[in-house]
Amino acid sequence: MHCFLDLLQTKFASAITENKEIEKEVIAQIPMKRMAEPSEMAGAVLYLVSSASSYTTGTCITCDGGLLA
């Protein structure tokens, strides 16, 4: 089983981002080498709340900076 963590620049992630050593380890695993901004999730959220996703069920939309690529 592969364990990973996506890092989004939010208050929730502050437990990681406030510890620079842990933040550095997590970012090293992300191919884009940076945290995501909340606005970068907007496209996936917009899709899910729109009628374009009316036939979408039981799937995960991965927004991970290339981590699973």
PDB file of N, CA and C in Angstrom:
ATOM      1  N   MET A   1       0.844  -1.179   0.000  1.00  0.00           N
ATOM      2  CA  MET A   1       0.000   0.000   0.000  1.00  0.00           C
ATOM      3  C   MET A   1       0.890   1.242   0.000  1.00  0.00           C
ATOM      4  N   HIS A   2       0.562   2.158  -0.879  1.00  0.00           N
ATOM      5  CA  HIS A   2       1.345   3.392  -0.991  1.00  0.00           C
ATOM      6  C   HIS A   2       0.658   4.489  -0.192  1.00  0.00           C
ATOM      7  N   CYS A   3       1.374   5.128   0.682  1.00  0.00           N
ATOM      8  CA  CYS A   3       0.840   6.228   1.478  1.00  0.00           C
ATOM      9  C   CYS A   3       1.370   7.532   0.917  1.00  0.00           C
ATOM     10  N   PHE A   4       0.505   8.508   0.752  1.00  0.00           N
ATOM     11  CA  PHE A   4       0.960   9.796   0.272  1.00  0.00           C
ATOM     12  C   PHE A   4       0.092  10.886   0.865  1.00  0.00           C
ATOM     13  N   LEU A   5       0.561  12.084   0.719  1.00  0.00           N
ATOM     14  CA  LEU A   5      -0.145  13.228   1.269  1.00  0.00           C
ATOM     15  C   LEU A   5      -0.084  14.359   0.262  1.00  0.00           C
ATOM     16  N   ASP A   6      -1.225  14.883  -0.103  1.00  0.00           N
ATOM     17  CA  ASP A   6      -1.254  16.064  -0.951  1.00  0.00           C
ATOM     18  C   ASP A   6      -1.276  17.274  -0.038  1.00  0.00           C
ATOM     19  N   LEU A   7      -0.599  18.296  -0.448  1.00  0.00           N
ATOM     20  CA  LEU A   7      -0.465  19.474   0.385  1.00  0.00           C
ATOM     21  C   LEU A   7      -1.142  20.655  -0.278  1.00  0.00           C
ATOM     22  N   LEU A   8      -2.178  21.129   0.347  1.00  0.00           N
ATOM     23  CA  LEU A   8      -2.945  22.269  -0.132  1.00  0.00           C
ATOM     24  C   LEU A   8      -2.751  23.406   0.855  1.00  0.00           C
ATOM     25  N   GLN A   9      -2.451  24.583   0.343  1.00  0.00           N
ATOM     26  CA  GLN A   9      -2.159  25.743   1.186  1.00  0.00           C
ATOM     27  C   GLN A   9      -3.435  26.209   1.895  1.00  0.00           C
ATOM     28  N   THR A  10      -3.750  25.577   3.038  1.00  0.00           N
ATOM     29  CA  THR A  10      -4.932  25.928   3.816  1.00  0.00           C
ATOM     30  C   THR A  10      -4.594  25.921   5.305  1.00  0.00           C
ATOM     31  N   LYS A  11      -5.509  26.426   6.095  1.00  0.00           N
ATOM     32  CA  LYS A  11      -5.335  26.402   7.545  1.00  0.00           C
ATOM     33  C   LYS A  11      -5.252  24.956   8.045  1.00  0.00           C
ATOM     34  N   PHE A  12      -6.000  24.059   7.417  1.00  0.00           N
ATOM     35  CA  PHE A  12      -5.998  22.647   7.795  1.00  0.00           C
ATOM     36  C   PHE A  12      -4.595  22.049   7.675  1.00  0.00           C
ATOM     37  N   ALA A  13      -3.844  22.470   6.666  1.00  0.00           N
ATOM     38  CA  ALA A  13      -2.502  21.933   6.434  1.00  0.00           C
ATOM     39  C   ALA A  13      -1.448  22.585   7.315  1.00  0.00           C
ATOM     40  N   SER A  14      -1.826  23.525   8.132  1.00  0.00           N
ATOM     41  CA  SER A  14      -0.838  24.254   8.940  1.00  0.00           C
ATOM     42  C   SER A  14      -0.059  23.340   9.884  1.00  0.00           C
ATOM     43  N   ALA A  15      -0.620  22.212  10.257  1.00  0.00           N
ATOM     44  CA  ALA A  15       0.120  21.268  11.102  1.00  0.00           C
ATOM     45  C   ALA A  15       1.366  20.773  10.373  1.00  0.00           C
ATOM     46  N   ILE A  16       1.312  20.731   9.065  1.00  0.00           N
ATOM     47  CA  ILE A  16       2.466  20.325   8.261  1.00  0.00           C
ATOM     48  C   ILE A  16       3.311  21.538   7.902  1.00  0.00           C
ATOM     49  N   THR A  17       2.672  22.586   7.431  1.00  0.00           N
ATOM     50  CA  THR A  17       3.422  23.735   6.918  1.00  0.00           C
ATOM     51  C   THR A  17       4.146  24.524   8.010  1.00  0.00           C
ATOM     52  N   GLU A  18       3.700  24.418   9.237  1.00  0.00           N
ATOM     53  CA  GLU A  18       4.382  25.108  10.327  1.00  0.00           C
ATOM     54  C   GLU A  18       5.651  24.383  10.763  1.00  0.00           C
ATOM     55  N   ASN A  19       5.779  23.118  10.399  1.00  0.00           N
ATOM     56  CA  ASN A  19       6.991  22.350  10.675  1.00  0.00           C
ATOM     57  C   ASN A  19       7.747  22.243   9.349  1.00  0.00           C
ATOM     58  N   LYS A  20       8.747  23.095   9.164  1.00  0.00           N
ATOM     59  CA  LYS A  20       9.443  23.192   7.882  1.00  0.00           C
ATOM     60  C   LYS A  20      10.148  21.896   7.482  1.00  0.00           C
ATOM     61  N   GLU A  21      10.589  21.109   8.431  1.00  0.00           N
ATOM     62  CA  GLU A  21      11.234  19.842   8.113  1.00  0.00           C
ATOM     63  C   GLU A  21      10.229  18.863   7.494  1.00  0.00           C
ATOM     64  N   ILE A  22       9.057  18.756   8.094  1.00  0.00           N
ATOM     65  CA  ILE A  22       8.008  17.879   7.558  1.00  0.00           C
ATOM     66  C   ILE A  22       7.517  18.409   6.221  1.00  0.00           C
ATOM     67  N   GLU A  23       7.305  19.718   6.132  1.00  0.00           N
ATOM     68  CA  GLU A  23       6.850  20.319   4.872  1.00  0.00           C
ATOM     69  C   GLU A  23       7.843  20.008   3.746  1.00  0.00           C
ATOM     70  N   LYS A  24       9.118  20.123   4.021  1.00  0.00           N
ATOM     71  CA  LYS A  24      10.146  19.850   3.016  1.00  0.00           C
ATOM     72  C   LYS A  24      10.088  18.396   2.554  1.00  0.00           C
ATOM     73  N   GLU A  25       9.888  17.459   3.481  1.00  0.00           N
ATOM     74  CA  GLU A  25       9.781  16.036   3.130  1.00  0.00           C
ATOM     75  C   GLU A  25       8.564  15.770   2.251  1.00  0.00           C
ATOM     76  N   VAL A  26       7.439  16.385   2.583  1.00  0.00           N
ATOM     77  CA  VAL A  26       6.215  16.180   1.800  1.00  0.00           C
ATOM     78  C   VAL A  26       6.371  16.771   0.407  1.00  0.00           C
ATOM     79  N   ILE A  27       6.867  17.999   0.316  1.00  0.00           N
ATOM     80  CA  ILE A  27       7.026  18.656  -0.983  1.00  0.00           C
ATOM     81  C   ILE A  27       8.004  17.883  -1.867  1.00  0.00           C
ATOM     82  N   ALA A  28       8.994  17.262  -1.279  1.00  0.00           N
ATOM     83  CA  ALA A  28       9.961  16.477  -2.049  1.00  0.00           C
ATOM     84  C   ALA A  28       9.294  15.315  -2.786  1.00  0.00           C
ATOM     85  N   GLN A  29       8.164  14.842  -2.302  1.00  0.00           N
ATOM     86  CA  GLN A  29       7.442  13.736  -2.929  1.00  0.00           C
ATOM     87  C   GLN A  29       6.540  14.185  -4.072  1.00  0.00           C
ATOM     88  N   ILE A  30       6.263  15.479  -4.171  1.00  0.00           N
ATOM     89  CA  ILE A  30       5.346  16.012  -5.175  1.00  0.00           C
ATOM     90  C   ILE A  30       6.159  16.441  -6.396  1.00  0.00           C
ATOM     91  N   PRO A  31       5.896  15.855  -7.590  1.00  0.00           N
ATOM     92  CA  PRO A  31       6.667  16.214  -8.774  1.00  0.00           C
ATOM     93  C   PRO A  31       6.694  17.714  -9.098  1.00  0.00           C
ATOM     94  N   MET A  32       5.633  18.448  -8.808  1.00  0.00           N
ATOM     95  CA  MET A  32       5.619  19.882  -9.083  1.00  0.00           C
ATOM     96  C   MET A  32       6.410  20.681  -8.047  1.00  0.00           C
ATOM     97  N   LYS A  33       6.836  20.010  -6.973  1.00  0.00           N
ATOM     98  CA  LYS A  33       7.701  20.596  -5.927  1.00  0.00           C
ATOM     99  C   LYS A  33       7.112  21.852  -5.280  1.00  0.00           C
ATOM    100  N   ARG A  34       5.799  21.837  -5.093  1.00  0.00           N
ATOM    101  CA  ARG A  34       5.155  22.955  -4.413  1.00  0.00           C
ATOM    102  C   ARG A  34       3.798  22.519  -3.890  1.00  0.00           C
ATOM    103  N   MET A  35       3.256  23.335  -2.997  1.00  0.00           N
ATOM    104  CA  MET A  35       1.916  23.101  -2.487  1.00  0.00           C
ATOM    105  C   MET A  35       0.903  23.634  -3.499  1.00  0.00           C
ATOM    106  N   ALA A  36      -0.283  23.087  -3.472  1.00  0.00           N
ATOM    107  CA  ALA A  36      -1.371  23.584  -4.308  1.00  0.00           C
ATOM    108  C   ALA A  36      -2.026  24.789  -3.643  1.00  0.00           C
ATOM    109  N   GLU A  37      -2.510  25.670  -4.453  1.00  0.00           N
ATOM    110  CA  GLU A  37      -3.313  26.786  -3.959  1.00  0.00           C
ATOM    111  C   GLU A  37      -4.783  26.354  -4.002  1.00  0.00           C
ATOM    112  N   PRO A  38      -5.592  26.805  -3.059  1.00  0.00           N
ATOM    113  CA  PRO A  38      -7.005  26.428  -3.077  1.00  0.00           C
ATOM    114  C   PRO A  38      -7.680  26.717  -4.417  1.00  0.00           C
ATOM    115  N   SER A  39      -7.292  27.786  -5.096  1.00  0.00           N
ATOM    116  CA  SER A  39      -7.902  28.126  -6.381  1.00  0.00           C
ATOM    117  C   SER A  39      -7.631  27.068  -7.448  1.00  0.00           C
ATOM    118  N   GLU A  40      -6.585  26.275  -7.265  1.00  0.00           N
ATOM    119  CA  GLU A  40      -6.264  25.226  -8.231  1.00  0.00           C
ATOM    120  C   GLU A  40      -7.211  24.031  -8.132  1.00  0.00           C
ATOM    121  N   MET A  41      -8.015  23.977  -7.104  1.00  0.00           N
ATOM    122  CA  MET A  41      -9.018  22.924  -6.961  1.00  0.00           C
ATOM    123  C   MET A  41     -10.354  23.340  -7.583  1.00  0.00           C
ATOM    124  N   ALA A  42     -10.454  24.601  -7.956  1.00  0.00           N
ATOM    125  CA  ALA A  42     -11.728  25.160  -8.437  1.00  0.00           C
ATOM    126  C   ALA A  42     -12.272  24.421  -9.652  1.00  0.00           C
ATOM    127  N   GLY A  43     -11.433  24.052 -10.593  1.00  0.00           N
ATOM    128  CA  GLY A  43     -11.901  23.362 -11.800  1.00  0.00           C
ATOM    129  C   GLY A  43     -12.559  22.027 -11.485  1.00  0.00           C
ATOM    130  N   ALA A  44     -11.936  21.252 -10.615  1.00  0.00           N
ATOM    131  CA  ALA A  44     -12.503  19.954 -10.240  1.00  0.00           C
ATOM    132  C   ALA A  44     -13.808  20.136  -9.477  1.00  0.00           C
ATOM    133  N   VAL A  45     -13.844  21.107  -8.583  1.00  0.00           N
ATOM    134  CA  VAL A  45     -15.064  21.376  -7.818  1.00  0.00           C
ATOM    135  C   VAL A  45     -16.174  21.865  -8.747  1.00  0.00           C
ATOM    136  N   LEU A  46     -15.827  22.766  -9.659  1.00  0.00           N
ATOM    137  CA  LEU A  46     -16.816  23.287 -10.610  1.00  0.00           C
ATOM    138  C   LEU A  46     -17.413  22.155 -11.442  1.00  0.00           C
ATOM    139  N   TYR A  47     -16.569  21.249 -11.897  1.00  0.00           N
ATOM    140  CA  TYR A  47     -17.061  20.091 -12.647  1.00  0.00           C
ATOM    141  C   TYR A  47     -18.046  19.277 -11.812  1.00  0.00           C
ATOM    142  N   LEU A  48     -17.679  18.986 -10.576  1.00  0.00           N
ATOM    143  CA  LEU A  48     -18.528  18.142  -9.732  1.00  0.00           C
ATOM    144  C   LEU A  48     -19.873  18.778  -9.396  1.00  0.00           C
ATOM    145  N   VAL A  49     -19.922  20.091  -9.288  1.00  0.00           N
ATOM    146  CA  VAL A  49     -21.188  20.743  -8.937  1.00  0.00           C
ATOM    147  C   VAL A  49     -21.990  21.150 -10.165  1.00  0.00           C
ATOM    148  N   SER A  50     -21.443  20.910 -11.357  1.00  0.00           N
ATOM    149  CA  SER A  50     -22.154  21.298 -12.573  1.00  0.00           C
ATOM    150  C   SER A  50     -22.899  20.114 -13.180  1.00  0.00           C
ATOM    151  N   SER A  51     -23.737  20.401 -14.126  1.00  0.00           N
ATOM    152  CA  SER A  51     -24.469  19.338 -14.817  1.00  0.00           C
ATOM    153  C   SER A  51     -23.536  18.490 -15.682  1.00  0.00           C
ATOM    154  N   ALA A  52     -22.334  18.966 -15.947  1.00  0.00           N
ATOM    155  CA  ALA A  52     -21.363  18.188 -16.725  1.00  0.00           C
ATOM    156  C   ALA A  52     -21.006  16.877 -16.023  1.00  0.00           C
ATOM    157  N   SER A  53     -21.178  16.824 -14.720  1.00  0.00           N
ATOM    158  CA  SER A  53     -20.839  15.610 -13.973  1.00  0.00           C
ATOM    159  C   SER A  53     -22.063  14.749 -13.668  1.00  0.00           C
ATOM    160  N   SER A  54     -23.165  14.980 -14.368  1.00  0.00           N
ATOM    161  CA  SER A  54     -24.418  14.280 -14.051  1.00  0.00           C
ATOM    162  C   SER A  54     -24.317  12.760 -14.161  1.00  0.00           C
ATOM    163  N   TYR A  55     -23.377  12.240 -14.935  1.00  0.00           N
ATOM    164  CA  TYR A  55     -23.223  10.790 -15.075  1.00  0.00           C
ATOM    165  C   TYR A  55     -21.972  10.291 -14.349  1.00  0.00           C
ATOM    166  N   THR A  56     -21.363  11.124 -13.561  1.00  0.00           N
ATOM    167  CA  THR A  56     -20.162  10.764 -12.814  1.00  0.00           C
ATOM    168  C   THR A  56     -20.556  10.226 -11.446  1.00  0.00           C
ATOM    169  N   THR A  57     -20.161   8.996 -11.166  1.00  0.00           N
ATOM    170  CA  THR A  57     -20.423   8.399  -9.859  1.00  0.00           C
ATOM    171  C   THR A  57     -19.220   7.562  -9.433  1.00  0.00           C
ATOM    172  N   GLY A  58     -18.990   7.496  -8.149  1.00  0.00           N
ATOM    173  CA  GLY A  58     -17.999   6.582  -7.580  1.00  0.00           C
ATOM    174  C   GLY A  58     -16.602   6.714  -8.139  1.00  0.00           C
ATOM    175  N   THR A  59     -16.145   7.917  -8.342  1.00  0.00           N
ATOM    176  CA  THR A  59     -14.797   8.099  -8.862  1.00  0.00           C
ATOM    177  C   THR A  59     -14.037   9.120  -8.031  1.00  0.00           C
ATOM    178  N   CYS A  60     -12.744   9.103  -8.141  1.00  0.00           N
ATOM    179  CA  CYS A  60     -11.897  10.088  -7.487  1.00  0.00           C
ATOM    180  C   CYS A  60     -11.285  10.978  -8.554  1.00  0.00           C
ATOM    181  N   ILE A  61     -11.311  12.244  -8.316  1.00  0.00           N
ATOM    182  CA  ILE A  61     -10.630  13.187  -9.196  1.00  0.00           C
ATOM    183  C   ILE A  61      -9.349  13.576  -8.478  1.00  0.00           C
ATOM    184  N   THR A  62      -8.249  13.191  -9.056  1.00  0.00           N
ATOM    185  CA  THR A  62      -6.952  13.387  -8.418  1.00  0.00           C
ATOM    186  C   THR A  62      -6.338  14.707  -8.854  1.00  0.00           C
ATOM    187  N   CYS A  63      -6.140  15.582  -7.918  1.00  0.00           N
ATOM    188  CA  CYS A  63      -5.457  16.861  -8.132  1.00  0.00           C
ATOM    189  C   CYS A  63      -4.254  16.843  -7.189  1.00  0.00           C
ATOM    190  N   ASP A  64      -3.151  16.296  -7.681  1.00  0.00           N
ATOM    191  CA  ASP A  64      -2.041  16.008  -6.757  1.00  0.00           C
ATOM    192  C   ASP A  64      -0.672  16.493  -7.218  1.00  0.00           C
ATOM    193  N   GLY A  65      -0.623  17.402  -8.173  1.00  0.00           N
ATOM    194  CA  GLY A  65       0.663  17.927  -8.609  1.00  0.00           C
ATOM    195  C   GLY A  65       1.557  16.882  -9.255  1.00  0.00           C
ATOM    196  N   GLY A  66       0.952  15.786  -9.760  1.00  0.00           N
ATOM    197  CA  GLY A  66       1.703  14.726 -10.432  1.00  0.00           C
ATOM    198  C   GLY A  66       2.148  13.591  -9.541  1.00  0.00           C
ATOM    199  N   LEU A  67       1.729  13.587  -8.292  1.00  0.00           N
ATOM    200  CA  LEU A  67       2.191  12.583  -7.331  1.00  0.00           C
ATOM    201  C   LEU A  67       1.887  11.161  -7.794  1.00  0.00           C
ATOM    202  N   LEU A  68       0.723  10.913  -8.352  1.00  0.00           N
ATOM    203  CA  LEU A  68       0.360   9.566  -8.772  1.00  0.00           C
ATOM    204  C   LEU A  68       0.708   9.273 -10.233  1.00  0.00           C
ATOM    205  N   ALA A  69       1.283  10.248 -10.924  1.00  0.00           N
ATOM    206  CA  ALA A  69       1.595  10.070 -12.347  1.00  0.00           C
ATOM    207  C   ALA A  69       2.700   9.069 -12.553  1.00  0.00           C
TER     208      ALA A  69
END
